[in-house]
Amino acid sequence: MSEAHDRAQAKAKIARTEWFGYVSAFVAVNIERSLIPIAAEHVKSGNWMDACAFIGQFAKTHLNRLREAEIDFSQSEGILPFGAEWHVLLIDEKVYVSDTEFFPYPASWKAAHPGIIEKEE
């Protein structure tokens, strides 16, 4: 697929999803609201603000890699310590975190990297 097609799919998902904007000293991220209670179950304090900070740190790790590679539009996936697979999207200088893909990963990438899943630490 083309970047224009992938962008259109990502923007459609953004439009139909409910987001919570979280800003820290290190990252500004739009979090799919349904992820906050999931993360809260796995942070020590159990509160939503610490859950957002946890999600923000997860996003920052991916965002740093994308920026180091000078990528301004892409998504990245990661497996969290509690087994959830979340996706980070960088689009139009904004960052989003969801538990579903924003657009399909290319079949060529999946074929070239079978079984590669990066575990977040």
N, C-alpha and C. Protein backbone atom coordinates (compact mmCIF):
# COMPACT_ATOMS: atom_id res chain seq x y z
N MET A 1 0.83 -1.18 0.00
CA MET A 1 0.00 0.00 0.00
C MET A 1 0.88 1.25 0.00
N SER A 2 0.28 2.35 -0.39
CA SER A 2 1.02 3.61 -0.45
C SER A 2 0.93 4.33 0.90
N GLU A 3 1.84 5.27 1.12
CA GLU A 3 1.79 6.05 2.34
C GLU A 3 0.48 6.82 2.44
N ALA A 4 0.00 7.35 1.31
CA ALA A 4 -1.27 8.09 1.33
C ALA A 4 -2.42 7.20 1.80
N HIS A 5 -2.43 5.97 1.34
CA HIS A 5 -3.49 5.03 1.75
C HIS A 5 -3.36 4.70 3.23
N ASP A 6 -2.13 4.44 3.70
CA ASP A 6 -1.91 4.14 5.11
C ASP A 6 -2.29 5.33 5.99
N ARG A 7 -1.94 6.53 5.55
CA ARG A 7 -2.32 7.74 6.30
C ARG A 7 -3.85 7.87 6.39
N ALA A 8 -4.52 7.61 5.30
CA ALA A 8 -5.98 7.71 5.29
C ALA A 8 -6.59 6.70 6.28
N GLN A 9 -6.06 5.49 6.29
CA GLN A 9 -6.56 4.47 7.23
C GLN A 9 -6.30 4.89 8.67
N ALA A 10 -5.11 5.39 8.93
CA ALA A 10 -4.76 5.84 10.29
C ALA A 10 -5.67 6.98 10.73
N LYS A 11 -5.88 7.95 9.85
CA LYS A 11 -6.73 9.09 10.19
C LYS A 11 -8.18 8.67 10.43
N ALA A 12 -8.65 7.66 9.69
CA ALA A 12 -10.00 7.15 9.91
C ALA A 12 -10.11 6.51 11.30
N LYS A 13 -9.11 5.75 11.70
CA LYS A 13 -9.12 5.14 13.04
C LYS A 13 -9.09 6.23 14.11
N ILE A 14 -8.26 7.24 13.90
CA ILE A 14 -8.17 8.34 14.85
C ILE A 14 -9.53 9.01 15.01
N ALA A 15 -10.22 9.22 13.90
CA ALA A 15 -11.52 9.91 13.93
C ALA A 15 -12.60 9.10 14.66
N ARG A 16 -12.52 7.79 14.62
CA ARG A 16 -13.59 6.98 15.22
C ARG A 16 -13.25 6.45 16.61
N THR A 17 -12.12 6.88 17.18
CA THR A 17 -11.68 6.39 18.47
C THR A 17 -11.72 7.51 19.50
N GLU A 18 -12.03 7.15 20.75
CA GLU A 18 -12.04 8.13 21.83
C GLU A 18 -10.65 8.18 22.45
N TRP A 19 -10.06 9.38 22.50
CA TRP A 19 -8.68 9.56 22.94
C TRP A 19 -8.62 10.38 24.22
N PHE A 20 -7.57 10.12 25.00
CA PHE A 20 -7.25 10.94 26.16
C PHE A 20 -5.87 11.53 25.90
N GLY A 21 -5.76 12.85 25.96
CA GLY A 21 -4.48 13.50 25.74
C GLY A 21 -3.69 13.56 27.03
N TYR A 22 -2.50 12.98 27.02
CA TYR A 22 -1.62 12.98 28.20
C TYR A 22 -0.34 13.71 27.83
N VAL A 23 0.06 14.64 28.70
CA VAL A 23 1.29 15.41 28.47
C VAL A 23 2.15 15.31 29.73
N SER A 24 3.41 14.93 29.52
CA SER A 24 4.38 14.94 30.61
C SER A 24 5.55 15.82 30.17
N ALA A 25 6.57 15.86 30.99
CA ALA A 25 7.76 16.63 30.62
C ALA A 25 8.50 15.99 29.45
N PHE A 26 8.19 14.72 29.16
CA PHE A 26 8.94 13.97 28.16
C PHE A 26 8.19 13.65 26.88
N VAL A 27 6.86 13.63 26.95
CA VAL A 27 6.09 13.20 25.79
C VAL A 27 4.66 13.73 25.88
N ALA A 28 4.09 14.01 24.73
CA ALA A 28 2.66 14.30 24.61
C ALA A 28 2.09 13.16 23.77
N VAL A 29 1.08 12.49 24.29
CA VAL A 29 0.56 11.30 23.61
C VAL A 29 -0.95 11.25 23.73
N ASN A 30 -1.59 10.77 22.68
CA ASN A 30 -3.02 10.53 22.67
C ASN A 30 -3.22 9.04 22.94
N ILE A 31 -3.90 8.73 24.03
CA ILE A 31 -4.06 7.35 24.48
C ILE A 31 -5.50 6.91 24.23
N GLU A 32 -5.66 5.76 23.59
CA GLU A 32 -7.01 5.21 23.45
C GLU A 32 -7.56 4.99 24.86
N ARG A 33 -8.70 5.61 25.15
CA ARG A 33 -9.22 5.64 26.53
C ARG A 33 -9.37 4.25 27.14
N SER A 34 -9.72 3.27 26.35
CA SER A 34 -9.93 1.93 26.90
C SER A 34 -8.64 1.29 27.43
N LEU A 35 -7.48 1.84 27.08
CA LEU A 35 -6.21 1.29 27.55
C LEU A 35 -5.86 1.74 28.97
N ILE A 36 -6.41 2.85 29.39
CA ILE A 36 -6.04 3.41 30.69
C ILE A 36 -6.39 2.46 31.84
N PRO A 37 -7.62 1.92 31.92
CA PRO A 37 -7.89 0.99 33.02
C PRO A 37 -7.08 -0.30 32.93
N ILE A 38 -6.75 -0.72 31.73
CA ILE A 38 -5.91 -1.92 31.56
C ILE A 38 -4.54 -1.66 32.16
N ALA A 39 -3.95 -0.52 31.81
CA ALA A 39 -2.63 -0.17 32.35
C ALA A 39 -2.70 0.04 33.86
N ALA A 40 -3.80 0.64 34.35
CA ALA A 40 -3.93 0.90 35.79
C ALA A 40 -3.88 -0.39 36.60
N GLU A 41 -4.36 -1.48 36.03
CA GLU A 41 -4.32 -2.76 36.73
C GLU A 41 -2.89 -3.25 36.92
N HIS A 42 -1.96 -2.72 36.13
CA HIS A 42 -0.59 -3.24 36.12
C HIS A 42 0.46 -2.27 36.65
N VAL A 43 0.04 -1.08 37.06
CA VAL A 43 1.00 -0.17 37.70
C VAL A 43 0.83 -0.29 39.21
N LYS A 44 1.91 -0.04 39.91
CA LYS A 44 1.93 -0.29 41.35
C LYS A 44 0.82 0.45 42.10
N SER A 45 0.63 1.73 41.78
CA SER A 45 -0.37 2.53 42.50
C SER A 45 -1.79 2.19 42.10
N GLY A 46 -1.96 1.70 40.87
CA GLY A 46 -3.29 1.39 40.36
C GLY A 46 -4.11 2.59 39.94
N ASN A 47 -3.51 3.80 39.96
CA ASN A 47 -4.33 4.96 39.59
C ASN A 47 -4.14 5.34 38.12
N TRP A 48 -5.08 6.09 37.61
CA TRP A 48 -5.12 6.38 36.17
C TRP A 48 -3.99 7.29 35.73
N MET A 49 -3.53 8.20 36.59
CA MET A 49 -2.46 9.10 36.19
C MET A 49 -1.14 8.33 36.02
N ASP A 50 -0.86 7.42 36.94
CA ASP A 50 0.33 6.58 36.79
C ASP A 50 0.19 5.66 35.58
N ALA A 51 -1.03 5.22 35.31
CA ALA A 51 -1.27 4.40 34.12
C ALA A 51 -0.95 5.20 32.85
N CYS A 52 -1.36 6.45 32.81
CA CYS A 52 -1.06 7.30 31.66
C CYS A 52 0.45 7.54 31.53
N ALA A 53 1.13 7.71 32.67
CA ALA A 53 2.59 7.89 32.64
C ALA A 53 3.26 6.63 32.10
N PHE A 54 2.77 5.47 32.49
CA PHE A 54 3.29 4.19 32.00
C PHE A 54 3.12 4.10 30.49
N ILE A 55 1.92 4.42 30.01
CA ILE A 55 1.64 4.38 28.57
C ILE A 55 2.51 5.41 27.85
N GLY A 56 2.65 6.58 28.44
CA GLY A 56 3.50 7.61 27.84
C GLY A 56 4.95 7.15 27.69
N GLN A 57 5.46 6.46 28.70
CA GLN A 57 6.83 5.95 28.63
C GLN A 57 6.95 4.88 27.54
N PHE A 58 5.95 4.03 27.43
CA PHE A 58 5.92 3.03 26.36
C PHE A 58 5.98 3.73 25.00
N ALA A 59 5.15 4.76 24.83
CA ALA A 59 5.12 5.50 23.56
C ALA A 59 6.45 6.20 23.30
N LYS A 60 7.04 6.78 24.34
CA LYS A 60 8.29 7.52 24.17
C LYS A 60 9.41 6.62 23.64
N THR A 61 9.47 5.40 24.12
CA THR A 61 10.49 4.45 23.64
C THR A 61 10.37 4.27 22.12
N HIS A 62 9.15 4.09 21.65
CA HIS A 62 8.92 3.90 20.22
C HIS A 62 9.15 5.19 19.45
N LEU A 63 8.69 6.30 20.01
CA LEU A 63 8.85 7.59 19.36
C LEU A 63 10.34 7.92 19.18
N ASN A 64 11.13 7.65 20.19
CA ASN A 64 12.58 7.91 20.08
C ASN A 64 13.18 7.14 18.92
N ARG A 65 12.82 5.88 18.77
CA ARG A 65 13.36 5.07 17.67
C ARG A 65 12.93 5.62 16.32
N LEU A 66 11.67 6.00 16.20
CA LEU A 66 11.18 6.55 14.93
C LEU A 66 11.91 7.85 14.59
N ARG A 67 12.09 8.70 15.58
CA ARG A 67 12.77 9.97 15.33
C ARG A 67 14.24 9.78 15.01
N GLU A 68 14.90 8.83 15.70
CA GLU A 68 16.30 8.55 15.40
C GLU A 68 16.47 8.07 13.96
N ALA A 69 15.46 7.36 13.46
CA ALA A 69 15.50 6.87 12.08
C ALA A 69 14.99 7.93 11.10
N GLU A 70 14.68 9.12 11.62
CA GLU A 70 14.17 10.23 10.81
C GLU A 70 12.90 9.85 10.07
N ILE A 71 12.03 9.14 10.77
CA ILE A 71 10.73 8.74 10.23
C ILE A 71 9.68 9.68 10.80
N ASP A 72 8.87 10.28 9.94
CA ASP A 72 7.85 11.20 10.44
C ASP A 72 6.43 10.64 10.31
N PHE A 73 6.30 9.46 9.72
CA PHE A 73 5.00 8.78 9.67
C PHE A 73 5.25 7.29 9.71
N SER A 74 4.78 6.66 10.77
CA SER A 74 4.91 5.21 10.88
C SER A 74 4.19 4.75 12.13
N GLN A 75 4.07 3.44 12.24
CA GLN A 75 3.58 2.85 13.48
C GLN A 75 4.59 1.80 13.92
N SER A 76 4.56 1.54 15.20
CA SER A 76 5.48 0.58 15.81
C SER A 76 4.66 -0.24 16.80
N GLU A 77 5.02 -1.49 16.97
CA GLU A 77 4.28 -2.31 17.92
C GLU A 77 5.20 -2.81 19.00
N GLY A 78 4.62 -3.11 20.14
CA GLY A 78 5.39 -3.65 21.24
C GLY A 78 4.52 -4.49 22.14
N ILE A 79 5.14 -5.45 22.78
CA ILE A 79 4.46 -6.30 23.75
C ILE A 79 4.81 -5.78 25.14
N LEU A 80 3.80 -5.53 25.93
CA LEU A 80 4.01 -5.02 27.27
C LEU A 80 4.28 -6.16 28.24
N PRO A 81 4.83 -5.85 29.41
CA PRO A 81 5.17 -6.91 30.38
C PRO A 81 3.98 -7.80 30.76
N PHE A 82 2.77 -7.28 30.66
CA PHE A 82 1.59 -8.08 31.00
C PHE A 82 0.96 -8.76 29.78
N GLY A 83 1.68 -8.76 28.66
CA GLY A 83 1.28 -9.54 27.49
C GLY A 83 0.45 -8.82 26.44
N ALA A 84 0.03 -7.60 26.70
CA ALA A 84 -0.76 -6.86 25.71
C ALA A 84 0.14 -6.39 24.57
N GLU A 85 -0.41 -6.39 23.37
CA GLU A 85 0.30 -5.86 22.19
C GLU A 85 -0.33 -4.51 21.86
N TRP A 86 0.47 -3.46 21.94
CA TRP A 86 -0.02 -2.12 21.65
C TRP A 86 0.77 -1.53 20.49
N HIS A 87 0.14 -0.56 19.83
CA HIS A 87 0.72 0.07 18.64
C HIS A 87 0.87 1.56 18.88
N VAL A 88 1.98 2.11 18.44
CA VAL A 88 2.27 3.54 18.56
C VAL A 88 2.32 4.11 17.16
N LEU A 89 1.57 5.16 16.93
CA LEU A 89 1.53 5.83 15.63
C LEU A 89 2.13 7.22 15.76
N LEU A 90 2.99 7.57 14.83
CA LEU A 90 3.49 8.94 14.69
C LEU A 90 2.95 9.45 13.37
N ILE A 91 2.12 10.49 13.45
CA ILE A 91 1.52 11.07 12.25
C ILE A 91 1.31 12.56 12.48
N ASP A 92 1.73 13.37 11.52
CA ASP A 92 1.54 14.82 11.60
C ASP A 92 2.06 15.38 12.94
N GLU A 93 3.22 14.87 13.37
CA GLU A 93 3.88 15.29 14.60
C GLU A 93 3.08 15.01 15.86
N LYS A 94 2.12 14.08 15.79
CA LYS A 94 1.33 13.66 16.94
C LYS A 94 1.55 12.18 17.16
N VAL A 95 1.38 11.76 18.42
CA VAL A 95 1.62 10.37 18.81
C VAL A 95 0.32 9.79 19.37
N TYR A 96 0.01 8.57 18.95
CA TYR A 96 -1.19 7.85 19.38
C TYR A 96 -0.80 6.46 19.84
N VAL A 97 -1.51 5.94 20.87
CA VAL A 97 -1.29 4.57 21.33
C VAL A 97 -2.64 3.86 21.34
N SER A 98 -2.66 2.67 20.72
CA SER A 98 -3.88 1.87 20.62
C SER A 98 -3.52 0.40 20.77
N ASP A 99 -4.53 -0.41 21.03
CA ASP A 99 -4.28 -1.85 21.07
C ASP A 99 -4.60 -2.51 19.73
N THR A 100 -4.93 -1.72 18.73
CA THR A 100 -5.13 -2.25 17.38
C THR A 100 -4.28 -1.46 16.40
N GLU A 101 -3.94 -2.09 15.30
CA GLU A 101 -3.14 -1.43 14.27
C GLU A 101 -3.88 -0.22 13.72
N PHE A 102 -3.13 0.79 13.36
CA PHE A 102 -3.70 1.97 12.73
C PHE A 102 -3.89 1.73 11.23
N PHE A 103 -3.03 0.91 10.66
CA PHE A 103 -3.12 0.45 9.28
C PHE A 103 -2.37 -0.87 9.23
N PRO A 104 -2.68 -1.74 8.28
CA PRO A 104 -2.02 -3.05 8.24
C PRO A 104 -0.51 -2.93 8.00
N TYR A 105 0.24 -3.73 8.73
CA TYR A 105 1.67 -3.81 8.45
C TYR A 105 1.83 -4.48 7.09
N PRO A 106 2.79 -4.04 6.30
CA PRO A 106 2.96 -4.60 4.96
C PRO A 106 3.24 -6.10 5.01
N ALA A 107 2.63 -6.84 4.10
CA ALA A 107 2.86 -8.28 4.01
C ALA A 107 4.34 -8.57 3.80
N SER A 108 5.02 -7.72 3.04
CA SER A 108 6.45 -7.92 2.79
C SER A 108 7.25 -7.82 4.08
N TRP A 109 6.84 -6.94 5.00
CA TRP A 109 7.54 -6.80 6.27
C TRP A 109 7.28 -8.04 7.12
N LYS A 110 6.04 -8.49 7.16
CA LYS A 110 5.71 -9.67 7.96
C LYS A 110 6.46 -10.89 7.44
N ALA A 111 6.56 -11.03 6.12
CA ALA A 111 7.26 -12.17 5.54
C ALA A 111 8.76 -12.10 5.81
N ALA A 112 9.31 -10.89 5.79
CA ALA A 112 10.75 -10.73 6.00
C ALA A 112 11.15 -10.83 7.47
N HIS A 113 10.20 -10.68 8.39
CA HIS A 113 10.50 -10.68 9.82
C HIS A 113 9.56 -11.63 10.58
N PRO A 114 9.52 -12.89 10.24
CA PRO A 114 8.58 -13.79 10.92
C PRO A 114 8.92 -13.94 12.40
N GLY A 115 7.90 -13.78 13.22
CA GLY A 115 8.07 -14.01 14.65
C GLY A 115 8.82 -12.93 15.41
N ILE A 116 9.13 -11.82 14.77
CA ILE A 116 9.86 -10.78 15.48
C ILE A 116 8.85 -9.93 16.25
N ILE A 117 8.98 -9.96 17.54
CA ILE A 117 8.17 -9.12 18.41
C ILE A 117 9.13 -8.57 19.45
N GLU A 118 9.16 -7.29 19.56
CA GLU A 118 10.05 -6.67 20.53
C GLU A 118 9.34 -6.57 21.87
N LYS A 119 9.95 -7.11 22.89
CA LYS A 119 9.38 -7.03 24.22
C LYS A 119 9.84 -5.75 24.90
N GLU A 120 8.88 -4.96 25.36
CA GLU A 120 9.20 -3.71 26.04
C GLU A 120 9.71 -4.01 27.44
N GLU A 121 10.70 -3.27 27.88
CA GLU A 121 11.22 -3.46 29.24
C GLU A 121 10.89 -2.29 30.11
